[in-house]
């Protein structure tokens, strides 16, 4: 009998709540309250998340974010600034000691990204893992991820791009040298792709989620059972949203 993991489909939330839920599940997992959990979610309104070690004011054009109604939030994972709009975001929260998760961080990135690759294959998209944390198809990036390990628990989350608006993204990010901005935009347009672009049609969130569910099940040889957040997780998420991810002290701390 296959091991059963929990699948959470939490829909579209604010940036602060999305990060708060991931952290709440991590805490619950560290206390053995929940099984390994895979979560699929979206962002409403669109948002920029920055890596834990980045400076918000140096990376993000806050005035333009406010003007366009775009959220911003600091993640607990590292990496760079990411614009979240037309995508499926996934997270996996699992004990470090679980037999399916390699101790080596690079190997664990590869293993988890393997689920995305199998999921994309369900959509007839061939892709491959490129260390440290990217998935590419036809030489172009379609997914990026970030990982942290806290409380003896692994949290990895990342994006699967269903569409991409590079011009909008760069209007929200600060570029140190404005003279090279156009060149950067052109370069990124050549290096980044999306499911819609590859398939030549618009794809819905649920269709991508169904494919990624199969990808995780095949990669880890498990059964994902759709569930919901525990009351304790909901309370933790509200607390983390209020005191951390929705707080100016947290987001502007560097």
Protein backbone atom coordinates (compact mmCIF):
# COMPACT_ATOMS: atom_id res chain seq x y z
CA UNK A 1 0.00 0.00 0.00
CA UNK A 2 1.32 3.43 -0.96
CA UNK A 3 2.12 6.01 1.68
CA UNK A 4 -0.55 8.69 1.87
CA UNK A 5 0.46 12.35 1.88
CA UNK A 6 -1.83 15.34 2.31
CA UNK A 7 -2.71 17.59 -0.61
CA UNK A 8 -3.78 21.15 0.16
CA UNK A 9 -5.39 23.28 -2.53
CA UNK A 10 -5.72 26.60 -0.74
CA UNK A 11 -6.75 28.71 -3.72
CA UNK A 12 -5.73 32.34 -4.14
CA UNK A 13 -4.53 34.35 -1.14
CA UNK A 14 -2.58 37.49 -0.35
CA UNK A 15 1.21 37.26 -0.34
CA UNK A 16 1.33 37.50 3.47
CA UNK A 17 -1.19 34.71 3.94
CA UNK A 18 0.46 32.44 1.38
CA UNK A 19 3.78 32.64 3.19
CA UNK A 20 2.05 32.34 6.57
CA UNK A 21 0.33 29.10 5.55
CA UNK A 22 3.60 27.55 4.36
CA UNK A 23 5.24 28.42 7.66
CA UNK A 24 2.26 27.18 9.70
CA UNK A 25 2.35 23.81 7.93
CA UNK A 26 6.10 23.61 8.58
CA UNK A 27 5.52 24.09 12.31
CA UNK A 28 2.70 21.54 12.35
CA UNK A 29 4.87 19.05 10.48
CA UNK A 30 7.74 19.55 12.94
CA UNK A 31 5.37 18.53 15.74
CA UNK A 32 4.22 15.39 13.85
CA UNK A 33 0.69 16.82 13.67
CA UNK A 34 0.35 16.29 9.91
CA UNK A 35 1.67 13.92 7.23
CA UNK A 36 4.03 15.14 4.49
CA UNK A 37 2.10 17.89 2.75
CA UNK A 38 2.03 19.14 -0.83
CA UNK A 39 0.23 22.44 -1.38
CA UNK A 40 -0.90 24.18 -4.57
CA UNK A 41 -1.85 27.86 -4.49
CA UNK A 42 -2.10 31.16 -6.33
CA UNK A 43 -1.71 34.85 -5.53
CA UNK A 44 -4.44 37.48 -5.33
CA UNK A 45 -3.58 40.24 -5.84
CA UNK A 46 -0.37 39.56 -7.82
CA UNK A 47 2.75 39.85 -5.69
CA UNK A 48 6.50 40.04 -5.51
CA UNK A 49 8.25 37.83 -3.00
CA UNK A 50 11.85 38.54 -2.09
CA UNK A 51 14.40 36.12 -0.67
CA UNK A 52 15.05 36.14 3.06
CA UNK A 53 18.45 37.84 2.69
CA UNK A 54 17.39 40.55 0.22
CA UNK A 55 16.62 44.21 0.83
CA UNK A 56 13.04 45.11 -0.10
CA UNK A 57 13.76 48.77 -0.86
CA UNK A 58 16.78 47.87 -3.02
CA UNK A 59 15.00 45.15 -5.01
CA UNK A 60 11.41 46.35 -5.39
CA UNK A 61 9.80 49.53 -6.72
CA UNK A 62 7.36 49.91 -3.84
CA UNK A 63 5.66 52.99 -5.31
CA UNK A 64 4.82 51.15 -8.52
CA UNK A 65 3.65 48.09 -6.57
CA UNK A 66 1.26 50.26 -4.60
CA UNK A 67 0.12 52.03 -7.77
CA UNK A 68 -0.62 48.73 -9.55
CA UNK A 69 -2.05 46.97 -6.50
CA UNK A 70 0.76 44.43 -6.23
CA UNK A 71 1.59 42.85 -2.86
CA UNK A 72 5.15 42.31 -1.62
CA UNK A 73 6.48 39.96 1.02
CA UNK A 74 9.74 38.54 2.39
CA UNK A 75 10.00 34.75 2.24
CA UNK A 76 11.68 32.55 4.85
CA UNK A 77 13.55 30.91 1.97
CA UNK A 78 16.53 32.40 0.18
CA UNK A 79 16.93 33.25 -3.48
CA UNK A 80 15.94 36.26 -5.53
CA UNK A 81 12.87 38.40 -6.11
CA UNK A 82 10.01 36.62 -7.89
CA UNK A 83 6.92 38.14 -9.51
CA UNK A 84 3.84 35.97 -8.89
CA UNK A 85 0.88 36.37 -11.21
CA UNK A 86 0.00 33.74 -13.84
CA UNK A 87 1.37 30.61 -12.23
CA UNK A 88 0.77 27.64 -10.00
CA UNK A 89 2.86 27.83 -6.86
CA UNK A 90 3.64 24.61 -5.04
CA UNK A 91 5.10 23.85 -1.66
CA UNK A 92 6.19 20.60 -0.09
CA UNK A 93 6.69 20.32 3.66
CA UNK A 94 8.23 17.08 4.88
CA UNK A 95 10.47 15.89 7.75
CA UNK A 96 14.20 15.96 6.98
CA UNK A 97 14.35 12.36 8.16
CA UNK A 98 11.83 11.09 5.57
CA UNK A 99 13.32 8.33 3.41
CA UNK A 100 12.27 10.07 0.18
CA UNK A 101 14.24 13.26 0.93
CA UNK A 102 18.03 13.18 0.41
CA UNK A 103 20.12 14.72 3.19
CA UNK A 104 22.15 16.64 0.63
CA UNK A 105 20.34 19.87 -0.22
CA UNK A 106 21.34 19.80 -3.89
CA UNK A 107 20.10 16.22 -4.22
CA UNK A 108 16.84 17.11 -2.48
CA UNK A 109 16.27 19.99 -4.90
CA UNK A 110 16.72 17.57 -7.77
CA UNK A 111 14.37 15.00 -6.26
CA UNK A 112 11.57 17.47 -5.58
CA UNK A 113 11.99 19.14 -8.97
CA UNK A 114 11.59 15.65 -10.41
CA UNK A 115 7.93 15.84 -9.39
CA UNK A 116 7.52 19.04 -11.43
CA UNK A 117 9.20 17.42 -14.42
CA UNK A 118 6.84 14.45 -14.26
CA UNK A 119 3.91 16.85 -13.83
CA UNK A 120 4.91 18.84 -16.89
CA UNK A 121 5.21 15.58 -18.81
CA UNK A 122 1.52 14.97 -18.03
CA UNK A 123 0.92 18.19 -20.02
CA UNK A 124 3.11 16.85 -22.87
CA UNK A 125 5.96 19.21 -21.95
CA UNK A 126 9.45 17.72 -21.81
CA UNK A 127 11.73 19.43 -19.30
CA UNK A 128 14.84 18.89 -17.21
CA UNK A 129 16.33 19.97 -13.90
CA UNK A 130 19.17 22.49 -13.92
CA UNK A 131 20.93 22.96 -10.55
CA UNK A 132 20.54 24.65 -8.24
CA UNK A 133 16.81 25.12 -8.49
CA UNK A 134 15.51 25.62 -12.03
CA UNK A 135 13.53 23.54 -14.49
CA UNK A 136 13.97 24.30 -18.17
CA UNK A 137 12.23 23.27 -21.37
CA UNK A 138 13.77 23.89 -24.79
CA UNK A 139 16.54 25.79 -23.05
CA UNK A 140 14.15 28.21 -21.32
CA UNK A 141 13.22 28.45 -17.64
CA UNK A 142 9.66 27.45 -16.75
CA UNK A 143 10.05 26.86 -13.00
CA UNK A 144 12.20 28.03 -10.10
CA UNK A 145 12.24 26.92 -6.46
CA UNK A 146 13.64 27.85 -3.06
CA UNK A 147 14.23 25.69 0.00
CA UNK A 148 14.82 26.08 3.72
CA UNK A 149 15.25 23.58 6.55
CA UNK A 150 13.94 24.56 9.95
CA UNK A 151 12.82 22.54 12.99
CA UNK A 152 14.16 19.37 11.29
CA UNK A 153 11.66 19.97 8.48
CA UNK A 154 12.16 20.70 4.79
CA UNK A 155 10.10 23.42 3.11
CA UNK A 156 10.53 23.84 -0.62
CA UNK A 157 8.28 26.06 -2.65
CA UNK A 158 8.40 27.21 -6.23
CA UNK A 159 6.54 28.36 -9.31
CA UNK A 160 5.27 26.75 -12.48
CA UNK A 161 4.69 29.56 -14.97
CA UNK A 162 1.41 29.39 -16.86
CA UNK A 163 2.08 32.78 -18.46
CA UNK A 164 4.68 35.52 -18.02
CA UNK A 165 4.66 39.30 -18.43
CA UNK A 166 8.33 40.30 -18.38
CA UNK A 167 7.64 44.00 -18.98
CA UNK A 168 5.29 44.18 -16.00
CA UNK A 169 7.77 42.27 -13.86
CA UNK A 170 10.58 44.71 -14.62
CA UNK A 171 8.30 47.67 -13.93
CA UNK A 172 8.08 46.38 -10.35
CA UNK A 173 11.73 45.52 -9.83
CA UNK A 174 14.60 47.94 -9.40
CA UNK A 175 17.44 47.62 -11.88
CA UNK A 176 20.74 49.15 -10.67
CA UNK A 177 21.59 50.58 -14.08
CA UNK A 178 18.61 51.88 -16.08
CA UNK A 179 20.76 51.90 -19.22
CA UNK A 180 20.93 48.10 -19.25
CA UNK A 181 17.26 47.59 -18.37
CA UNK A 182 16.10 47.13 -21.98
CA UNK A 183 18.86 44.61 -22.59
CA UNK A 184 17.89 42.71 -19.43
CA UNK A 185 14.24 42.61 -20.47
CA UNK A 186 15.15 41.28 -23.92
CA UNK A 187 17.45 38.71 -22.35
CA UNK A 188 14.83 37.46 -19.90
CA UNK A 189 12.21 37.20 -22.66
CA UNK A 190 14.60 34.89 -24.49
CA UNK A 191 15.35 32.80 -21.39
CA UNK A 192 11.92 32.37 -19.79
CA UNK A 193 8.86 30.55 -21.09
CA UNK A 194 5.43 29.40 -19.87
CA UNK A 195 2.96 26.56 -20.26
CA UNK A 196 0.59 28.75 -22.30
CA UNK A 197 3.38 29.69 -24.71
CA UNK A 198 4.53 26.10 -25.19
CA UNK A 199 1.06 24.60 -25.62
CA UNK A 200 -0.29 27.51 -27.65
CA UNK A 201 -3.41 27.77 -25.50
CA UNK A 202 -4.54 29.14 -22.17
CA UNK A 203 -4.40 26.58 -19.40
CA UNK A 204 -6.37 26.74 -16.18
CA UNK A 205 -5.04 26.47 -12.64
CA UNK A 206 -6.96 23.23 -11.99
CA UNK A 207 -5.51 21.54 -15.07
CA UNK A 208 -1.97 22.37 -13.98
CA UNK A 209 -2.73 21.27 -10.41
CA UNK A 210 -4.06 17.92 -11.61
CA UNK A 211 -0.91 17.32 -13.65
CA UNK A 212 1.38 18.30 -10.77
CA UNK A 213 -0.55 16.02 -8.41
CA UNK A 214 0.24 13.12 -10.71
CA UNK A 215 3.85 14.27 -10.91
CA UNK A 216 4.29 14.18 -7.13
CA UNK A 217 2.54 10.81 -6.88
CA UNK A 218 4.78 9.28 -9.53
CA UNK A 219 8.04 10.80 -8.29
CA UNK A 220 7.54 9.78 -4.66
CA UNK A 221 5.36 6.69 -5.22
CA UNK A 222 2.69 8.04 -2.85
CA UNK A 223 -1.01 8.82 -2.91
CA UNK A 224 -1.96 12.45 -2.39
CA UNK A 225 -5.20 12.73 -0.42
CA UNK A 226 -6.89 16.12 -0.63
CA UNK A 227 -7.38 17.59 2.83
CA UNK A 228 -7.64 20.87 4.65
CA UNK A 229 -5.68 22.87 7.18
CA UNK A 230 -6.02 21.86 10.82
CA UNK A 231 -7.55 24.45 13.13
CA UNK A 232 -4.12 24.79 14.75
CA UNK A 233 -2.57 25.50 11.34
CA UNK A 234 -5.21 28.14 10.60
CA UNK A 235 -4.52 29.83 13.93
CA UNK A 236 -0.78 29.73 13.34
CA UNK A 237 -1.21 31.12 9.83
CA UNK A 238 -3.28 34.03 11.14
CA UNK A 239 -0.63 34.72 13.76
CA UNK A 240 2.23 34.55 11.25
CA UNK A 241 0.32 36.77 8.81
CA UNK A 242 -0.30 39.40 11.48
CA UNK A 243 3.03 39.34 13.31
CA UNK A 244 5.44 38.41 10.53
CA UNK A 245 4.63 38.39 6.82
CA UNK A 246 2.11 41.20 6.98
CA UNK A 247 4.28 43.32 9.27
CA UNK A 248 6.48 46.17 8.10
CA UNK A 249 9.27 45.15 10.51
CA UNK A 250 9.59 41.78 8.79
CA UNK A 251 9.33 42.91 5.19
CA UNK A 252 11.63 45.94 5.56
CA UNK A 253 14.12 44.38 7.95
CA UNK A 254 17.16 44.60 5.65
